[in-house]
Amino acid sequence: MDFSLAIGGFSLLTPAAQKAQLLATNRDAESYYGLQLTPDDAEMLMQTAQKAIRAQELVQFGGSITPRLIRWFLPSGYFGRGYAAQIAELTEAFYQLKGDLQALYDTADDPECVLSDNAVLNYMYQFYVSPTCGGDAGEMLAQAERILIPAMRKLLEIREAERKQHNADLGDPEMRMLYADKIAQEAAADTYESEYEQEQYDYIYDEEMHKDMFGNYVRDYVQDPAEQHTRGTFAEELEEALRRNPAYLLPSAAQEAEWAQITEDWDALDADAGREAE
């Protein structure tokens, strides 16, 4: 799903198709978790998404995020009575985060530095199931906004500063063309030493981050209790990691590919349901 700031919102899917996609999630929700949306619940969730999109001044292409969100959050263990209302609250939280992030993207104009819908959903889920939130969507949103939005703002600022510095280092393009051979020779002379030093630095840095990030997994199974490190909450560990390096906010390409495959399968199921409804 793609979004951009604009007034109002629209969808290319008919209401009947959107409703069918929501009800299609009942196959897994009822089979594995004993949960079910009624047609009235589906209507309510459609309206919730539309209102949230308008409130955040987003434009939506395709269906809402809600069917994917349902499948993502079903394993949380926090759904029960008021299932539809819980999904509605999470849907509103998702679009709130999307709106906050989109405002940063539009200001920065850095299309390579964005969080995908899947990344946003995953962060939401991790906060949601953490002990400090315990299935509280309001607390989840508060933690996500407190940690993710400043980290993204900082990351965009860093990238902008790096671009400006890179352009400054390039200097006058015409002069660089005149002295291109000389510049290449000087750069080549230091290549080996620079690469070796960078490799050593990267190795040490990665080892330290592997120890510290998200709970120090290296020492999780050390037998000596004196060697054990106390693991903080997800929010605490994430906040510390992003303080060290805001670039950790962006998932790896491998992780994005894994999520993309999973959600592609889900979307295919929902699309089939939507086409049947049309």
Protein backbone atom coordinates (compact mmCIF):
# COMPACT_ATOMS: atom_id res chain seq x y z
CA MET A 1 0.00 0.00 0.00
CA ASP A 2 1.29 3.42 -0.90
CA PHE A 3 0.56 6.68 0.83
CA SER A 4 1.22 10.39 0.29
CA LEU A 5 0.04 13.51 2.04
CA ALA A 6 -3.13 14.85 0.57
CA ILE A 7 -6.60 15.94 1.55
CA GLY A 8 -8.97 13.03 2.01
CA GLY A 9 -8.47 9.43 1.00
CA PHE A 10 -9.67 7.04 -1.64
CA SER A 11 -9.46 3.37 -2.50
CA LEU A 12 -9.37 1.54 -5.79
CA LEU A 13 -11.24 -1.41 -4.24
CA THR A 14 -15.00 -1.50 -4.05
CA PRO A 15 -16.58 -1.55 -0.57
CA ALA A 16 -17.78 -5.08 -1.24
CA ALA A 17 -14.25 -6.24 -2.03
CA GLN A 18 -12.82 -4.55 1.06
CA LYS A 19 -15.49 -6.15 3.23
CA ALA A 20 -14.80 -9.57 1.72
CA GLN A 21 -11.09 -9.20 2.43
CA LEU A 22 -11.78 -8.44 6.08
CA LEU A 23 -14.14 -11.38 6.45
CA ALA A 24 -11.61 -13.66 4.73
CA THR A 25 -9.37 -13.31 7.79
CA ASN A 26 -12.00 -15.28 9.73
CA ARG A 27 -10.67 -18.49 8.20
CA ASP A 28 -7.48 -18.30 10.23
CA ALA A 29 -8.84 -16.28 13.15
CA GLU A 30 -11.65 -18.72 13.85
CA SER A 31 -9.71 -21.91 13.10
CA TYR A 32 -6.70 -21.12 15.27
CA TYR A 33 -7.89 -18.54 17.79
CA GLY A 34 -11.66 -18.88 18.02
CA LEU A 35 -12.18 -15.28 16.85
CA GLN A 36 -14.57 -14.02 14.22
CA LEU A 37 -15.64 -10.76 12.63
CA THR A 38 -19.28 -10.27 11.70
CA PRO A 39 -20.36 -8.37 8.57
CA ASP A 40 -21.25 -5.44 10.86
CA ASP A 41 -17.75 -5.61 12.37
CA ALA A 42 -16.27 -5.47 8.89
CA GLU A 43 -18.35 -2.38 8.04
CA MET A 44 -17.16 -0.71 11.23
CA LEU A 45 -13.51 -1.50 10.48
CA MET A 46 -13.84 -0.12 6.95
CA GLN A 47 -15.24 3.13 8.32
CA THR A 48 -12.51 3.26 10.97
CA ALA A 49 -9.80 2.98 8.33
CA GLN A 50 -11.41 5.59 6.08
CA LYS A 51 -11.74 8.07 8.95
CA ALA A 52 -8.15 7.47 10.05
CA ILE A 53 -6.87 8.00 6.51
CA ARG A 54 -8.76 11.27 6.20
CA ALA A 55 -7.65 12.42 9.64
CA GLN A 56 -3.98 11.88 8.72
CA GLU A 57 -4.49 13.42 5.25
CA LEU A 58 -3.24 10.28 3.56
CA VAL A 59 -4.10 8.97 0.11
CA GLN A 60 -4.53 5.21 -0.08
CA PHE A 61 -4.12 3.02 -3.14
CA GLY A 62 -5.69 -0.40 -2.76
CA GLY A 63 -7.38 -1.78 0.32
CA SER A 64 -6.75 -0.71 3.88
CA ILE A 65 -4.02 -2.15 6.08
CA THR A 66 -6.56 -3.84 8.35
CA PRO A 67 -6.62 -7.38 6.85
CA ARG A 68 -2.83 -7.58 6.95
CA LEU A 69 -2.78 -6.08 10.45
CA ILE A 70 -5.24 -8.73 11.66
CA ARG A 71 -3.07 -11.57 10.38
CA TRP A 72 0.07 -9.95 11.82
CA PHE A 73 -1.41 -9.48 15.29
CA LEU A 74 -3.44 -12.68 15.66
CA PRO A 75 -0.57 -14.58 17.38
CA SER A 76 -0.26 -11.87 20.06
CA GLY A 77 -2.58 -13.69 22.46
CA TYR A 78 -4.28 -10.46 23.51
CA PHE A 79 -7.41 -10.68 21.38
CA GLY A 80 -10.66 -11.85 22.93
CA ARG A 81 -13.83 -10.05 23.90
CA GLY A 82 -14.11 -6.86 21.91
CA TYR A 83 -11.99 -8.35 19.12
CA ALA A 84 -13.30 -5.96 16.46
CA ALA A 85 -12.79 -2.92 18.72
CA GLN A 86 -9.21 -4.00 19.38
CA ILE A 87 -8.55 -4.24 15.65
CA ALA A 88 -10.12 -0.82 15.12
CA GLU A 89 -7.83 0.72 17.75
CA LEU A 90 -4.76 -0.87 16.16
CA THR A 91 -5.86 0.34 12.71
CA GLU A 92 -6.12 3.91 14.00
CA ALA A 93 -2.68 3.57 15.61
CA PHE A 94 -1.16 2.36 12.36
CA TYR A 95 -2.45 5.32 10.37
CA GLN A 96 -1.37 7.70 13.14
CA LEU A 97 2.18 6.42 12.83
CA LYS A 98 1.99 6.50 9.03
CA GLY A 99 0.86 10.11 9.14
CA ASP A 100 3.65 11.14 11.51
CA LEU A 101 6.26 9.36 9.40
CA GLN A 102 4.90 10.67 6.11
CA ALA A 103 5.22 14.24 7.35
CA LEU A 104 8.93 13.59 7.96
CA TYR A 105 9.39 11.94 4.56
CA ASP A 106 7.77 14.79 2.69
CA THR A 107 9.97 17.34 4.40
CA ALA A 108 13.19 15.37 3.90
CA ASP A 109 12.56 14.25 0.29
CA ASP A 110 14.69 11.12 0.81
CA PRO A 111 12.72 8.29 -0.82
CA GLU A 112 15.34 5.67 0.08
CA CYS A 113 14.84 6.25 3.80
CA VAL A 114 11.33 5.09 4.67
CA LEU A 115 9.77 2.42 6.83
CA SER A 116 7.66 -0.03 4.86
CA ASP A 117 4.16 -0.92 6.03
CA ASN A 118 5.53 -4.26 7.16
CA ALA A 119 8.25 -2.59 9.21
CA VAL A 120 5.69 -0.33 10.89
CA LEU A 121 3.47 -3.33 11.66
CA ASN A 122 6.39 -5.27 13.08
CA TYR A 123 7.45 -2.43 15.38
CA MET A 124 3.85 -2.04 16.50
CA TYR A 125 3.60 -5.77 17.21
CA GLN A 126 6.85 -5.87 19.18
CA PHE A 127 5.71 -2.99 21.37
CA TYR A 128 2.22 -4.46 21.69
CA VAL A 129 3.35 -7.84 23.04
CA SER A 130 6.08 -6.45 25.30
CA PRO A 131 5.40 -6.62 29.06
CA THR A 132 5.22 -2.83 29.36
CA CYS A 133 2.30 -2.69 26.89
CA GLY A 134 0.70 -6.08 27.44
CA GLY A 135 -1.82 -5.69 24.64
CA ASP A 136 -2.60 -2.03 25.36
CA ALA A 137 -2.83 -0.31 21.96
CA GLY A 138 -2.69 3.16 23.50
CA GLU A 139 0.55 2.43 25.34
CA MET A 140 1.93 0.75 22.23
CA LEU A 141 1.26 3.88 20.17
CA ALA A 142 2.78 6.13 22.84
CA GLN A 143 5.99 4.10 22.91
CA ALA A 144 6.17 3.86 19.12
CA GLU A 145 5.77 7.62 18.69
CA ARG A 146 8.25 8.35 21.49
CA ILE A 147 10.96 6.13 19.99
CA LEU A 148 10.38 5.67 16.25
CA ILE A 149 9.50 9.23 15.21
CA PRO A 150 12.54 10.95 16.78
CA ALA A 151 14.81 8.18 15.48
CA MET A 152 13.51 8.62 11.93
CA ARG A 153 13.87 12.40 12.20
CA LYS A 154 17.47 12.00 13.38
CA LEU A 155 18.26 9.46 10.65
CA LEU A 156 16.91 11.76 7.94
CA GLU A 157 18.92 14.66 9.34
CA ILE A 158 22.10 12.57 9.35
CA ARG A 159 21.54 11.46 5.78
CA GLU A 160 20.89 15.03 4.66
CA ALA A 161 24.09 16.21 6.36
CA GLU A 162 26.03 13.40 4.69
CA ARG A 163 24.63 14.35 1.28
CA LYS A 164 25.59 17.98 1.80
CA GLN A 165 29.08 16.99 2.89
CA HIS A 166 29.44 14.69 -0.09
CA ASN A 167 28.45 17.47 -2.47
CA ALA A 168 30.85 19.85 -0.75
CA ASP A 169 33.67 17.33 -1.06
CA LEU A 170 33.00 16.98 -4.76
CA GLY A 171 33.59 20.68 -5.23
CA ASP A 172 33.48 22.24 -8.69
CA PRO A 173 32.47 19.52 -11.21
CA GLU A 174 34.52 21.06 -14.03
CA MET A 175 37.71 21.16 -11.97
CA ARG A 176 37.20 17.56 -10.88
CA MET A 177 36.95 16.50 -14.53
CA LEU A 178 40.21 18.29 -15.34
CA TYR A 179 42.05 16.57 -12.50
CA ALA A 180 40.20 13.24 -12.59
CA ASP A 181 43.35 11.14 -13.27
CA LYS A 182 45.30 12.79 -10.46
CA ILE A 183 42.43 12.36 -8.00
CA ALA A 184 42.09 8.68 -8.96
CA GLN A 185 45.82 8.05 -8.40
CA GLU A 186 45.75 9.66 -4.96
CA ALA A 187 42.66 7.69 -3.98
CA ALA A 188 44.16 4.40 -5.19
CA ALA A 189 47.30 4.88 -3.10
CA ASP A 190 45.32 4.73 0.13
CA THR A 191 42.80 2.09 -0.85
CA TYR A 192 44.39 -0.95 0.79
CA GLU A 193 45.20 0.77 4.07
CA SER A 194 41.77 2.40 4.27
CA GLU A 195 39.94 -0.86 3.54
CA TYR A 196 41.97 -2.76 6.14
CA GLU A 197 41.38 -0.13 8.81
CA GLN A 198 37.66 -0.02 7.98
CA GLU A 199 37.38 -3.81 8.17
CA GLN A 200 39.01 -3.84 11.59
CA TYR A 201 36.78 -1.05 12.84
CA ASP A 202 33.64 -2.70 11.46
CA TYR A 203 34.55 -6.04 13.06
CA ILE A 204 35.08 -4.53 16.50
CA TYR A 205 31.98 -2.34 16.23
CA ASP A 206 29.75 -5.18 15.07
CA GLU A 207 30.98 -7.43 17.87
CA GLU A 208 30.16 -4.79 20.47
CA MET A 209 26.74 -4.12 18.98
CA HIS A 210 26.07 -7.86 18.84
CA LYS A 211 26.72 -7.99 22.57
CA ASP A 212 24.69 -4.93 23.48
CA MET A 213 21.79 -4.69 21.05
CA PHE A 214 18.45 -6.19 22.06
CA GLY A 215 19.54 -7.89 25.23
CA ASN A 216 23.10 -9.17 24.78
CA TYR A 217 22.32 -12.53 23.19
CA VAL A 218 26.00 -13.55 23.27
CA ARG A 219 25.77 -14.05 27.03
CA ASP A 220 22.25 -15.46 27.21
CA TYR A 221 23.41 -18.99 27.87
CA VAL A 222 26.57 -18.44 29.91
CA GLN A 223 26.38 -20.75 32.90
CA ASP A 224 28.07 -18.44 35.39
CA PRO A 225 25.33 -16.13 36.80
CA ALA A 226 27.97 -13.45 37.35
CA GLU A 227 28.44 -13.30 33.60
CA GLN A 228 24.74 -12.83 32.84
CA HIS A 229 23.46 -9.43 31.75
CA THR A 230 19.96 -8.29 32.64
CA ARG A 231 17.83 -7.79 29.57
CA GLY A 232 15.73 -4.66 29.39
CA THR A 233 12.34 -4.23 27.79
CA PHE A 234 11.99 -4.11 24.02
CA ALA A 235 11.42 -0.35 24.18
CA GLU A 236 14.52 0.20 26.33
CA GLU A 237 16.75 -1.96 24.16
CA LEU A 238 15.46 -0.44 20.93
CA GLU A 239 15.80 3.11 22.22
CA GLU A 240 19.41 2.45 23.24
CA ALA A 241 20.24 0.82 19.90
CA LEU A 242 18.75 3.72 17.94
CA ARG A 243 20.56 6.23 20.15
CA ARG A 244 23.82 4.56 19.15
CA ASN A 245 22.91 4.43 15.47
CA PRO A 246 19.56 5.61 14.05
CA ALA A 247 20.24 3.57 10.89
CA TYR A 248 19.26 0.45 12.85
CA LEU A 249 15.69 1.70 12.49
CA LEU A 250 15.59 0.38 8.92
CA PRO A 251 15.22 -3.42 8.64
CA SER A 252 17.67 -5.37 6.51
CA ALA A 253 16.87 -6.23 2.91
CA ALA A 254 16.65 -9.90 3.89
CA GLN A 255 14.10 -9.16 6.60
CA GLU A 256 12.04 -7.03 4.23
CA ALA A 257 12.11 -9.82 1.65
CA GLU A 258 10.90 -12.35 4.22
CA TRP A 259 8.03 -10.09 5.28
CA ALA A 260 7.20 -9.35 1.64
CA GLN A 261 6.80 -13.05 0.86
CA ILE A 262 4.56 -13.64 3.85
CA THR A 263 2.35 -10.64 3.18
CA GLU A 264 2.23 -11.41 -0.53
CA ASP A 265 0.65 -14.75 0.34
CA TRP A 266 -1.82 -13.06 2.67
CA ASP A 267 -2.68 -10.39 0.11
CA ALA A 268 -3.27 -13.07 -2.52
CA LEU A 269 -5.80 -14.77 -0.24
CA ASP A 270 -7.53 -11.47 0.46
CA ALA A 271 -7.52 -10.49 -3.22
CA ASP A 272 -9.19 -13.77 -4.15
CA ALA A 273 -11.89 -13.05 -1.58
CA GLY A 274 -12.31 -9.55 -2.94
CA ARG A 275 -12.67 -10.74 -6.54
CA GLU A 276 -15.24 -13.31 -5.49
CA ALA A 277 -17.26 -10.54 -3.85
CA GLU A 278 -17.21 -8.45 -7.01
